[in-house]
C-alpha atoms as a PDB file:
ATOM      1  CA  MET A   1     -30.456  16.480 160.162  1.00  0.00           C
ATOM      2  CA  ALA A   2     -28.038  20.166 160.794  1.00  0.00           C
ATOM      3  CA  PHE A   3     -30.818  21.520 162.247  1.00  0.00           C
ATOM      4  CA  PHE A   4     -32.154  18.789 164.492  1.00  0.00           C
ATOM      5  CA  ALA A   5     -28.869  18.766 165.955  1.00  0.00           C
ATOM      6  CA  LYS A   6     -28.309  23.152 166.816  1.00  0.00           C
ATOM      7  CA  LEU A   7     -32.139  23.291 168.732  1.00  0.00           C
ATOM      8  CA  LYS A   8     -31.459  20.182 170.274  1.00  0.00           C
ATOM      9  CA  GLU A   9     -28.376  21.910 170.898  1.00  0.00           C
ATOM     10  CA  ASN A  10     -29.805  26.171 171.428  1.00  0.00           C
ATOM     11  CA  LEU A  11     -32.867  24.631 173.466  1.00  0.00           C
ATOM     12  CA  LYS A  12     -30.860  23.057 176.215  1.00  0.00           C
ATOM     13  CA  SER A  13     -30.371  26.596 177.680  1.00  0.00           C
ATOM     14  CA  VAL A  14     -33.922  26.901 177.285  1.00  0.00           C
ATOM     15  CA  LYS A  15     -35.175  23.093 178.994  1.00  0.00           C
ATOM     16  CA  GLU A  16     -33.043  24.443 182.214  1.00  0.00           C
ATOM     17  CA  ARG A  17     -35.408  27.937 182.715  1.00  0.00           C
ATOM     18  CA  TRP A  18     -38.611  26.947 181.360  1.00  0.00           C
ATOM     19  CA  SER A  19     -40.186  26.509 184.659  1.00  0.00           C
ATOM     20  CA  GLY A  20     -36.832  26.099 186.841  1.00  0.00           C
ATOM     21  CA  GLY A  21     -36.437  22.704 184.063  1.00  0.00           C
ATOM     22  CA  ILE A  22     -39.949  20.788 183.375  1.00  0.00           C
ATOM     23  CA  ALA A  23     -37.533  17.732 182.269  1.00  0.00           C
ATOM     24  CA  SER A  24     -35.330  17.932 185.770  1.00  0.00           C
ATOM     25  CA  LEU A  25     -38.785  15.853 186.594  1.00  0.00           C
ATOM     26  CA  PHE A  26     -38.273  13.119 184.398  1.00  0.00           C
ATOM     27  CA  THR A  27     -35.140  11.418 187.023  1.00  0.00           C
ATOM     28  CA  GLY A  28     -35.999   7.089 187.632  1.00  0.00           C
ATOM     29  CA  GLU A  29     -37.940   6.892 190.728  1.00  0.00           C
ATOM     30  CA  PRO A  30     -41.187   6.080 191.348  1.00  0.00           C
ATOM     31  CA  PHE A  31     -44.172   8.585 190.529  1.00  0.00           C
ATOM     32  CA  ASP A  32     -46.560   9.703 192.735  1.00  0.00           C
ATOM     33  CA  GLU A  33     -49.476  12.957 192.627  1.00  0.00           C
ATOM     34  CA  PHE A  34     -46.757  15.970 193.928  1.00  0.00           C
ATOM     35  CA  PHE A  35     -45.328  14.585 190.606  1.00  0.00           C
ATOM     36  CA  TRP A  36     -48.436  15.581 188.666  1.00  0.00           C
ATOM     37  CA  SER A  37     -48.870  18.103 190.897  1.00  0.00           C
ATOM     38  CA  GLU A  38     -45.428  19.500 190.472  1.00  0.00           C
ATOM     39  CA  LEU A  39     -45.508  19.372 186.827  1.00  0.00           C
ATOM     40  CA  GLU A  40     -49.186  20.515 185.819  1.00  0.00           C
ATOM     41  CA  GLU A  41     -47.223  24.006 187.550  1.00  0.00           C
ATOM     42  CA  ARG A  42     -43.816  24.337 185.584  1.00  0.00           C
ATOM     43  CA  LEU A  43     -45.846  23.653 182.661  1.00  0.00           C
ATOM     44  CA  ILE A  44     -48.241  26.556 183.358  1.00  0.00           C
ATOM     45  CA  LEU A  45     -45.490  29.085 185.305  1.00  0.00           C
ATOM     46  CA  GLY A  46     -44.021  27.985 180.890  1.00  0.00           C
ATOM     47  CA  ASP A  47     -46.270  29.401 179.605  1.00  0.00           C
ATOM     48  CA  VAL A  48     -49.139  26.880 178.284  1.00  0.00           C
ATOM     49  CA  GLY A  49     -52.067  27.999 180.121  1.00  0.00           C
ATOM     50  CA  ALA A  50     -53.856  26.521 183.093  1.00  0.00           C
ATOM     51  CA  VAL A  51     -56.580  24.419 181.484  1.00  0.00           C
ATOM     52  CA  LEU A  52     -53.862  22.858 179.228  1.00  0.00           C
ATOM     53  CA  SER A  53     -51.321  22.169 181.147  1.00  0.00           C
ATOM     54  CA  GLU A  54     -54.292  20.041 183.642  1.00  0.00           C
ATOM     55  CA  ARG A  55     -55.530  18.736 179.705  1.00  0.00           C
ATOM     56  CA  ILE A  56     -51.700  17.092 179.147  1.00  0.00           C
ATOM     57  CA  VAL A  57     -51.852  16.299 182.833  1.00  0.00           C
ATOM     58  CA  GLU A  58     -55.165  14.181 182.606  1.00  0.00           C
ATOM     59  CA  GLU A  59     -54.161  12.504 179.068  1.00  0.00           C
ATOM     60  CA  MET A  60     -50.342  10.689 180.695  1.00  0.00           C
ATOM     61  CA  LYS A  61     -52.118   9.711 183.759  1.00  0.00           C
ATOM     62  CA  ARG A  62     -54.232   7.689 181.238  1.00  0.00           C
ATOM     63  CA  GLU A  63     -51.938   7.108 179.549  1.00  0.00           C
ATOM     64  CA  ALA A  64     -49.235   5.484 182.665  1.00  0.00           C
ATOM     65  CA  LYS A  65     -52.293   3.918 183.715  1.00  0.00           C
ATOM     66  CA  LYS A  66     -53.122   2.105 180.256  1.00  0.00           C
ATOM     67  CA  ARG A  67     -48.976   1.686 179.545  1.00  0.00           C
ATOM     68  CA  GLY A  68     -48.328   0.086 183.274  1.00  0.00           C
ATOM     69  CA  VAL A  69     -45.638   2.898 183.989  1.00  0.00           C
ATOM     70  CA  SER A  70     -43.976   2.913 187.336  1.00  0.00           C
ATOM     71  CA  THR A  71     -41.291   5.692 187.271  1.00  0.00           C
ATOM     72  CA  LYS A  72     -40.876   9.217 186.438  1.00  0.00           C
ATOM     73  CA  SER A  73     -38.214   8.122 183.968  1.00  0.00           C
ATOM     74  CA  ASP A  74     -40.507   6.101 181.703  1.00  0.00           C
ATOM     75  CA  LEU A  75     -42.697   9.176 181.546  1.00  0.00           C
ATOM     76  CA  LYS A  76     -40.620  10.654 179.576  1.00  0.00           C
ATOM     77  CA  SER A  77     -41.670   9.109 176.092  1.00  0.00           C
ATOM     78  CA  ILE A  78     -45.466  10.273 177.022  1.00  0.00           C
ATOM     79  CA  PHE A  79     -44.685  13.336 177.720  1.00  0.00           C
ATOM     80  CA  VAL A  80     -43.047  13.050 174.163  1.00  0.00           C
ATOM     81  CA  SER A  81     -45.733  11.484 172.512  1.00  0.00           C
ATOM     82  CA  GLU A  82     -48.610  13.578 174.273  1.00  0.00           C
ATOM     83  CA  ILE A  83     -46.553  16.991 173.217  1.00  0.00           C
ATOM     84  CA  ALA A  84     -45.478  15.846 169.832  1.00  0.00           C
ATOM     85  CA  GLY A  85     -49.351  14.945 169.336  1.00  0.00           C
ATOM     86  CA  ARG A  86     -51.264  18.417 169.884  1.00  0.00           C
ATOM     87  CA  LEU A  87     -49.159  19.585 167.810  1.00  0.00           C
ATOM     88  CA  ALA A  88     -49.017  17.738 164.567  1.00  0.00           C
ATOM     89  CA  ALA A  89     -52.709  18.255 165.791  1.00  0.00           C
ATOM     90  CA  VAL A  90     -52.420  20.671 163.626  1.00  0.00           C
ATOM     91  CA  GLU A  91     -52.635  21.001 159.724  1.00  0.00           C
ATOM     92  CA  GLY A  92     -50.191  22.256 157.982  1.00  0.00           C
ATOM     93  CA  MET A  93     -47.841  22.445 161.260  1.00  0.00           C
ATOM     94  CA  GLY A  94     -44.648  22.881 160.535  1.00  0.00           C
ATOM     95  CA  GLN A  95     -45.181  22.314 157.186  1.00  0.00           C
ATOM     96  CA  PRO A  96     -42.934  25.131 154.380  1.00  0.00           C
ATOM     97  CA  PHE A  97     -44.978  27.334 152.540  1.00  0.00           C
ATOM     98  CA  THR A  98     -45.018  26.128 148.966  1.00  0.00           C
ATOM     99  CA  VAL A  99     -46.314  27.713 145.201  1.00  0.00           C
ATOM    100  CA  ASP A 100     -48.367  25.241 143.922  1.00  0.00           C
ATOM    101  CA  ASP A 101     -50.992  28.528 142.697  1.00  0.00           C
ATOM    102  CA  PRO A 102     -47.897  31.219 141.883  1.00  0.00           C
ATOM    103  CA  PRO A 103     -48.015  33.888 142.630  1.00  0.00           C
ATOM    104  CA  LEU A 104     -48.454  32.922 146.523  1.00  0.00           C
ATOM    105  CA  VAL A 105     -48.695  36.639 148.600  1.00  0.00           C
ATOM    106  CA  LEU A 106     -47.646  36.139 152.336  1.00  0.00           C
ATOM    107  CA  LEU A 107     -48.158  39.854 154.065  1.00  0.00           C
ATOM    108  CA  MET A 108     -46.353  39.393 157.139  1.00  0.00           C
ATOM    109  CA  VAL A 109     -47.525  41.442 160.036  1.00  0.00           C
ATOM    110  CA  GLY A 110     -46.147  41.411 164.239  1.00  0.00           C
ATOM    111  CA  VAL A 111     -45.674  44.143 166.904  1.00  0.00           C
ATOM    112  CA  ASN A 112     -42.665  45.497 167.020  1.00  0.00           C
ATOM    113  CA  GLY A 113     -39.122  43.678 167.602  1.00  0.00           C
ATOM    114  CA  SER A 114     -41.060  40.650 166.429  1.00  0.00           C
ATOM    115  CA  GLY A 115     -38.881  39.870 163.958  1.00  0.00           C
ATOM    116  CA  LYS A 116     -41.082  40.463 160.347  1.00  0.00           C
ATOM    117  CA  THR A 117     -38.607  42.302 158.371  1.00  0.00           C
ATOM    118  CA  THR A 118     -35.545  39.764 158.867  1.00  0.00           C
ATOM    119  CA  SER A 119     -38.075  37.118 158.045  1.00  0.00           C
ATOM    120  CA  ALA A 120     -39.643  37.893 154.952  1.00  0.00           C
ATOM    121  CA  GLY A 121     -35.691  38.391 154.157  1.00  0.00           C
ATOM    122  CA  LYS A 122     -35.179  34.671 155.136  1.00  0.00           C
ATOM    123  CA  LEU A 123     -38.200  33.374 153.282  1.00  0.00           C
ATOM    124  CA  GLY A 124     -37.645  34.989 150.126  1.00  0.00           C
ATOM    125  CA  THR A 125     -33.740  34.413 149.933  1.00  0.00           C
ATOM    126  CA  GLN A 126     -35.186  30.426 150.396  1.00  0.00           C
ATOM    127  CA  PHE A 127     -37.840  31.071 147.930  1.00  0.00           C
ATOM    128  CA  LEU A 128     -34.614  31.882 145.377  1.00  0.00           C
ATOM    129  CA  ARG A 129     -32.650  29.212 146.549  1.00  0.00           C
ATOM    130  CA  GLN A 130     -35.852  27.142 145.140  1.00  0.00           C
ATOM    131  CA  GLY A 131     -35.395  29.265 141.798  1.00  0.00           C
ATOM    132  CA  ARG A 132     -39.039  30.963 142.529  1.00  0.00           C
ATOM    133  CA  GLN A 133     -39.279  34.722 141.236  1.00  0.00           C
ATOM    134  CA  VAL A 134     -39.481  36.925 144.541  1.00  0.00           C
ATOM    135  CA  ILE A 135     -40.812  40.187 144.751  1.00  0.00           C
ATOM    136  CA  LEU A 136     -41.082  41.782 148.354  1.00  0.00           C
ATOM    137  CA  ALA A 137     -43.154  45.319 149.544  1.00  0.00           C
ATOM    138  CA  ALA A 138     -41.584  47.284 151.805  1.00  0.00           C
ATOM    139  CA  ALA A 139     -45.028  48.430 153.406  1.00  0.00           C
ATOM    140  CA  ASP A 140     -44.313  49.648 156.280  1.00  0.00           C
ATOM    141  CA  THR A 141     -43.767  53.283 155.654  1.00  0.00           C
ATOM    142  CA  PHE A 142     -43.518  54.694 159.299  1.00  0.00           C
ATOM    143  CA  ARG A 143     -39.630  53.591 159.720  1.00  0.00           C
ATOM    144  CA  ALA A 144     -37.477  54.699 156.834  1.00  0.00           C
ATOM    145  CA  ALA A 145     -35.372  51.843 158.459  1.00  0.00           C
ATOM    146  CA  ALA A 146     -37.841  48.897 158.594  1.00  0.00           C
ATOM    147  CA  THR A 147     -38.211  50.272 154.119  1.00  0.00           C
ATOM    148  CA  GLU A 148     -33.954  50.499 154.235  1.00  0.00           C
ATOM    149  CA  GLN A 149     -33.344  46.855 155.869  1.00  0.00           C
ATOM    150  CA  LEU A 150     -35.875  44.584 152.933  1.00  0.00           C
ATOM    151  CA  GLN A 151     -33.322  46.989 151.086  1.00  0.00           C
ATOM    152  CA  ILE A 152     -30.303  45.309 151.863  1.00  0.00           C
ATOM    153  CA  TRP A 153     -31.605  42.406 152.201  1.00  0.00           C
ATOM    154  CA  GLY A 154     -33.122  43.215 148.228  1.00  0.00           C
ATOM    155  CA  GLU A 155     -30.023  43.794 147.358  1.00  0.00           C
ATOM    156  CA  ARG A 156     -28.139  40.860 148.898  1.00  0.00           C
ATOM    157  CA  ALA A 157     -30.068  38.426 147.406  1.00  0.00           C
ATOM    158  CA  GLY A 158     -31.304  40.200 144.175  1.00  0.00           C
ATOM    159  CA  VAL A 159     -34.504  40.509 144.252  1.00  0.00           C
ATOM    160  CA  ARG A 160     -37.090  43.136 143.250  1.00  0.00           C
ATOM    161  CA  VAL A 161     -38.419  45.215 146.593  1.00  0.00           C
ATOM    162  CA  ILE A 162     -40.734  47.800 145.281  1.00  0.00           C
ATOM    163  CA  ALA A 163     -41.437  50.801 148.044  1.00  0.00           C
ATOM    164  CA  GLN A 164     -42.408  55.031 148.297  1.00  0.00           C
ATOM    165  CA  LYS A 165     -40.901  57.242 150.051  1.00  0.00           C
ATOM    166  CA  PRO A 166     -42.121  57.266 154.162  1.00  0.00           C
ATOM    167  CA  GLY A 167     -45.490  58.338 155.186  1.00  0.00           C
ATOM    168  CA  SER A 168     -46.681  56.831 151.430  1.00  0.00           C
ATOM    169  CA  ASP A 169     -50.464  54.708 152.123  1.00  0.00           C
ATOM    170  CA  PRO A 170     -48.579  51.519 153.054  1.00  0.00           C
ATOM    171  CA  ALA A 171     -52.283  49.074 151.103  1.00  0.00           C
ATOM    172  CA  ALA A 172     -50.549  51.723 148.214  1.00  0.00           C
ATOM    173  CA  VAL A 173     -47.675  49.824 148.360  1.00  0.00           C
ATOM    174  CA  ALA A 174     -48.713  46.688 148.757  1.00  0.00           C
ATOM    175  CA  PHE A 175     -51.247  47.212 145.010  1.00  0.00           C
ATOM    176  CA  ASP A 176     -47.938  48.690 143.819  1.00  0.00           C
ATOM    177  CA  ALA A 177     -46.240  45.222 144.824  1.00  0.00           C
ATOM    178  CA  TRP A 178     -48.830  43.142 143.309  1.00  0.00           C
ATOM    179  CA  GLN A 179     -48.904  45.075 139.894  1.00  0.00           C
ATOM    180  CA  ALA A 180     -45.303  44.643 139.896  1.00  0.00           C
ATOM    181  CA  THR A 181     -45.811  40.567 140.566  1.00  0.00           C
ATOM    182  CA  ARG A 182     -47.946  40.556 138.042  1.00  0.00           C
ATOM    183  CA  ALA A 183     -46.557  42.480 135.104  1.00  0.00           C
ATOM    184  CA  SER A 184     -42.922  40.434 135.942  1.00  0.00           C
ATOM    185  CA  SER A 185     -44.843  37.481 136.273  1.00  0.00           C
ATOM    186  CA  ALA A 186     -42.684  36.561 140.077  1.00  0.00           C
ATOM    187  CA  ASP A 187     -43.746  33.633 141.690  1.00  0.00           C
ATOM    188  CA  VAL A 188     -43.921  34.666 145.220  1.00  0.00           C
ATOM    189  CA  LEU A 189     -44.879  38.774 146.835  1.00  0.00           C
ATOM    190  CA  ILE A 190     -43.932  38.735 150.361  1.00  0.00           C
ATOM    191  CA  VAL A 191     -45.253  41.643 151.957  1.00  0.00           C
ATOM    192  CA  ASP A 192     -43.474  43.458 154.804  1.00  0.00           C
ATOM    193  CA  THR A 193     -46.019  45.578 157.241  1.00  0.00           C
ATOM    194  CA  ALA A 194     -44.898  47.871 160.435  1.00  0.00           C
ATOM    195  CA  GLY A 195     -45.057  46.892 163.854  1.00  0.00           C
ATOM    196  CA  ARG A 196     -48.190  47.399 165.169  1.00  0.00           C
ATOM    197  CA  LEU A 197     -49.627  47.142 168.883  1.00  0.00           C
ATOM    198  CA  HIS A 198     -51.620  44.255 168.553  1.00  0.00           C
ATOM    199  CA  ALA A 199     -54.125  46.783 170.988  1.00  0.00           C
ATOM    200  CA  LYS A 200     -54.231  49.162 169.120  1.00  0.00           C
ATOM    201  CA  HIS A 201     -57.876  49.136 166.843  1.00  0.00           C
ATOM    202  CA  ASN A 202     -56.654  51.628 164.032  1.00  0.00           C
ATOM    203  CA  LEU A 203     -53.845  50.610 164.294  1.00  0.00           C
ATOM    204  CA  MET A 204     -54.971  46.825 162.846  1.00  0.00           C
ATOM    205  CA  GLU A 205     -57.819  48.227 161.302  1.00  0.00           C
ATOM    206  CA  GLU A 206     -54.599  50.115 158.894  1.00  0.00           C
ATOM    207  CA  LEU A 207     -53.892  46.301 158.751  1.00  0.00           C
ATOM    208  CA  ARG A 208     -56.939  44.780 157.734  1.00  0.00           C
ATOM    209  CA  LYS A 209     -56.802  47.302 154.919  1.00  0.00           C
ATOM    210  CA  ILE A 210     -53.947  45.915 153.270  1.00  0.00           C
ATOM    211  CA  HIS A 211     -55.041  42.759 152.822  1.00  0.00           C
ATOM    212  CA  LYS A 212     -58.053  43.607 151.444  1.00  0.00           C
ATOM    213  CA  VAL A 213     -56.579  45.381 148.997  1.00  0.00           C
ATOM    214  CA  LEU A 214     -55.121  42.175 148.210  1.00  0.00           C
ATOM    215  CA  GLU A 215     -57.454  40.217 149.222  1.00  0.00           C
ATOM    216  CA  ARG A 216     -59.694  42.691 145.993  1.00  0.00           C
ATOM    217  CA  GLU A 217     -56.084  41.990 143.670  1.00  0.00           C
ATOM    218  CA  ALA A 218     -55.009  38.481 144.292  1.00  0.00           C
ATOM    219  CA  GLY A 219     -58.838  36.502 145.700  1.00  0.00           C
ATOM    220  CA  ALA A 220     -57.745  34.826 149.208  1.00  0.00           C
ATOM    221  CA  ASP A 221     -56.858  31.454 148.049  1.00  0.00           C
ATOM    222  CA  ARG A 222     -52.994  33.298 147.633  1.00  0.00           C
ATOM    223  CA  ILE A 223     -53.371  35.089 150.512  1.00  0.00           C
ATOM    224  CA  ARG A 224     -51.410  33.399 153.578  1.00  0.00           C
ATOM    225  CA  THR A 225     -50.966  35.701 156.241  1.00  0.00           C
ATOM    226  CA  VAL A 226     -48.430  35.439 158.593  1.00  0.00           C
ATOM    227  CA  LEU A 227     -47.829  36.304 162.137  1.00  0.00           C
ATOM    228  CA  VAL A 228     -44.027  36.367 162.911  1.00  0.00           C
ATOM    229  CA  LEU A 229     -43.251  35.869 167.010  1.00  0.00           C
ATOM    230  CA  ASP A 230     -40.823  37.376 169.244  1.00  0.00           C
ATOM    231  CA  ALA A 231     -40.975  33.798 172.338  1.00  0.00           C
ATOM    232  CA  VAL A 232     -39.530  35.575 174.451  1.00  0.00           C
ATOM    233  CA  THR A 233     -42.645  37.632 175.115  1.00  0.00           C
ATOM    234  CA  GLY A 234     -43.128  34.514 176.220  1.00  0.00           C
ATOM    235  CA  GLN A 235     -47.792  34.568 177.253  1.00  0.00           C
ATOM    236  CA  ASN A 236     -47.999  38.113 176.200  1.00  0.00           C
ATOM    237  CA  GLY A 237     -47.037  35.886 172.415  1.00  0.00           C
ATOM    238  CA  VAL A 238     -50.215  33.682 172.802  1.00  0.00           C
ATOM    239  CA  ALA A 239     -52.510  37.466 173.526  1.00  0.00           C
ATOM    240  CA  GLN A 240     -51.087  38.502 170.377  1.00  0.00           C
ATOM    241  CA  ALA A 241     -51.707  35.905 168.104  1.00  0.00           C
ATOM    242  CA  SER A 242     -55.366  35.196 169.512  1.00  0.00           C
ATOM    243  CA  THR A 243     -55.906  39.397 168.612  1.00  0.00           C
ATOM    244  CA  PHE A 244     -54.111  39.340 165.307  1.00  0.00           C
ATOM    245  CA  HIS A 245     -55.991  36.331 164.773  1.00  0.00           C
ATOM    246  CA  ARG A 246     -59.554  37.782 165.213  1.00  0.00           C
ATOM    247  CA  ILE A 247     -58.539  40.538 162.492  1.00  0.00           C
ATOM    248  CA  LEU A 248     -57.079  38.845 160.307  1.00  0.00           C
ATOM    249  CA  PRO A 249     -57.206  34.628 160.107  1.00  0.00           C
ATOM    250  CA  LEU A 250     -53.973  33.624 160.526  1.00  0.00           C
ATOM    251  CA  SER A 251     -52.147  31.216 157.928  1.00  0.00           C
ATOM    252  CA  ALA A 252     -49.262  30.416 160.554  1.00  0.00           C
ATOM    253  CA  VAL A 253     -46.849  32.245 162.932  1.00  0.00           C
ATOM    254  CA  ILE A 254     -43.110  32.046 162.545  1.00  0.00           C
ATOM    255  CA  LEU A 255     -41.971  31.817 166.145  1.00  0.00           C
ATOM    256  CA  SER A 256     -38.263  33.609 166.284  1.00  0.00           C
ATOM    257  CA  LYS A 257     -35.650  34.135 168.897  1.00  0.00           C
ATOM    258  CA  TYR A 258     -36.406  30.913 170.288  1.00  0.00           C
ATOM    259  CA  ASP A 259     -32.721  30.553 171.608  1.00  0.00           C
ATOM    260  CA  ASN A 260     -32.660  32.725 173.367  1.00  0.00           C
ATOM    261  CA  THR A 261     -35.916  32.640 175.858  1.00  0.00           C
ATOM    262  CA  ALA A 262     -37.528  30.871 179.131  1.00  0.00           C
ATOM    263  CA  LYS A 263     -40.967  30.564 177.867  1.00  0.00           C
ATOM    264  CA  GLY A 264     -41.143  26.976 175.223  1.00  0.00           C
ATOM    265  CA  GLY A 265     -44.495  26.348 176.929  1.00  0.00           C
ATOM    266  CA  ILE A 266     -45.289  29.075 174.499  1.00  0.00           C
ATOM    267  CA  VAL A 267     -45.434  26.487 171.608  1.00  0.00           C
ATOM    268  CA  LEU A 268     -48.847  25.029 172.579  1.00  0.00           C
ATOM    269  CA  PRO A 269     -51.659  27.633 173.795  1.00  0.00           C
ATOM    270  CA  ILE A 270     -51.166  29.311 170.143  1.00  0.00           C
ATOM    271  CA  ALA A 271     -51.483  25.678 168.436  1.00  0.00           C
ATOM    272  CA  CYS A 272     -53.387  23.778 170.872  1.00  0.00           C
ATOM    273  CA  ASP A 273     -55.336  26.411 172.136  1.00  0.00           C
ATOM    274  CA  LEU A 274     -55.563  29.199 168.490  1.00  0.00           C
ATOM    275  CA  LYS A 275     -55.103  26.301 166.020  1.00  0.00           C
ATOM    276  CA  ILE A 276     -52.764  28.151 164.356  1.00  0.00           C
ATOM    277  CA  PRO A 277     -49.709  26.222 163.098  1.00  0.00           C
ATOM    278  CA  ILE A 278     -46.090  26.989 163.700  1.00  0.00           C
ATOM    279  CA  ARG A 279     -45.039  26.375 160.132  1.00  0.00           C
ATOM    280  CA  TYR A 280     -41.220  27.814 160.882  1.00  0.00           C
ATOM    281  CA  ILE A 281     -38.307  27.844 164.474  1.00  0.00           C
ATOM    282  CA  GLY A 282     -35.946  30.684 163.667  1.00  0.00           C
ATOM    283  CA  LEU A 283     -33.056  30.232 166.402  1.00  0.00           C
ATOM    284  CA  GLY A 284     -30.355  32.365 164.598  1.00  0.00           C
ATOM    285  CA  GLU A 285     -29.487  35.214 162.375  1.00  0.00           C
ATOM    286  CA  GLY A 286     -28.890  33.042 159.502  1.00  0.00           C
ATOM    287  CA  ILE A 287     -30.390  32.400 156.471  1.00  0.00           C
ATOM    288  CA  GLU A 288     -30.611  28.373 157.107  1.00  0.00           C
ATOM    289  CA  ASP A 289     -31.978  29.938 160.839  1.00  0.00           C
ATOM    290  CA  LEU A 290     -35.732  29.678 159.582  1.00  0.00           C
ATOM    291  CA  SER A 291     -36.030  26.400 159.588  1.00  0.00           C
ATOM    292  CA  PRO A 292     -39.319  24.636 158.708  1.00  0.00           C
ATOM    293  CA  PHE A 293     -40.739  23.977 163.002  1.00  0.00           C
ATOM    294  CA  ASP A 294     -40.756  19.976 163.433  1.00  0.00           C
ATOM    295  CA  PRO A 295     -42.824  19.330 166.604  1.00  0.00           C
ATOM    296  CA  VAL A 296     -41.801  15.252 166.617  1.00  0.00           C
ATOM    297  CA  GLU A 297     -37.364  16.712 166.664  1.00  0.00           C
ATOM    298  CA  PHE A 298     -38.879  19.829 169.662  1.00  0.00           C
ATOM    299  CA  ALA A 299     -40.912  17.872 171.505  1.00  0.00           C
ATOM    300  CA  ALA A 300     -37.543  15.943 171.575  1.00  0.00           C
ATOM    301  CA  ALA A 301     -35.624  17.708 172.709  1.00  0.00           C
ATOM    302  CA  LEU A 302     -36.577  19.478 175.093  1.00  0.00           C
ATOM    303  CA  MET A 303     -36.384  16.458 176.677  1.00  0.00           C
ATOM    304  CA  GLU A 304     -32.324  15.423 174.972  1.00  0.00           C
ATOM    305  CA  GLY A 305     -29.476  16.104 176.440  1.00  0.00           C
ATOM    306  CA  ASP A 306     -30.691  15.299 180.434  1.00  0.00           C
ATOM    307  CA  GLU A 307     -27.570  12.290 180.624  1.00  0.00           C
ATOM    308  CA  GLU A 308     -24.963  14.815 179.133  1.00  0.00           C
ATOM    309  CA  ASN A 309     -25.825  17.583 180.726  1.00  0.00           C
ATOM    310  CA  ARG A 310     -25.543  15.900 184.439  1.00  0.00           C
ATOM    311  CA  GLU A 311     -22.498  13.524 183.331  1.00  0.00           C
ATOM    312  CA  GLU A 312     -21.365  18.082 182.637  1.00  0.00           C
ATOM    313  CA  ASN A 313     -22.296  19.215 186.422  1.00  0.00           C
ATOM    314  CA  ARG A 314     -20.777  16.159 188.482  1.00  0.00           C
ATOM    315  CA  GLU A 315     -17.238  16.267 185.737  1.00  0.00           C
ATOM    316  CA  LYS A 316     -17.731  20.264 187.253  1.00  0.00           C
ATOM    317  CA  ASN A 317     -18.468  19.204 190.775  1.00  0.00           C
ATOM    318  CA  ARG A 318     -14.936  17.109 190.567  1.00  0.00           C
ATOM    319  CA  SER A 319     -12.753  19.349 188.880  1.00  0.00           C
ATOM    320  CA  GLY A 320     -14.435  22.842 191.544  1.00  0.00           C
ATOM    321  CA  GLY A 321     -14.718  24.463 188.784  1.00  0.00           C
ATOM    322  CA  ASP A 322     -16.329  25.400 185.313  1.00  0.00           C
ATOM    323  CA  LEU A 323     -15.216  23.025 182.929  1.00  0.00           C
ATOM    324  CA  LYS A 324     -12.085  24.224 179.737  1.00  0.00           C
END
């Protein structure tokens, strides 16, 4: 799978930086209590969270004892299974959005700079490739640049963009977009909203108003509230997800910019503690770089490539410099 190849390649640097490299712990020597303490510490430093990190380590201990495992390298498959299993247990994990009863409404939320508008454009284009008719709503009326960016996506893909002048009521834009969706028998409505600090009560209330209008017009069953998180934010991203989830029940998380972060553990508390499925992961700017998140491939990619990385480092040391 092409996306796995890119995920594996991009996660090499993430893996090496994630708490000093969790994967580097899994060498062939026999393990002792210090190994478990070091693993738990690195998980915590990697934004997995103290309680969840302890649960993961304790479960690995039980499984290692059950299997009679005696070396660190043999623990690698247990770690991958533990991570992948916890992620896969969350309902909806890695499942792309489907249009079973059109129109589907995707309400894109998140803080400034998280990648909402780009993700909205990518999703819209992907639905178009499936033969679906799409409408984009520029409900970020605070920034003219956001409307312009969404309109560029619309022009590229041939998608209609519903917009109003800067400063307009975002809920009114959402209402107009829904009316246009029904009038044109479109399959998907994607509503891009303004970035807002999750700690600002008035801004979050405005988001609730947009959702209320869409719920009244479209019905709750059609709406999927999608939080776009910049993976670089680390543990703060977990706080963002928790706050947004309290305001509006989140249907999904899109984790953007994952190729540029040392905070690999953010995936786990969002999924395991908040029970919010990560449906897509972003590894770049291209349309194909937004892909359904696969927990098994994700967990495997964190461990893949260790041997070739070590061999490359050995070769560098022998040659006395960087490889060309």
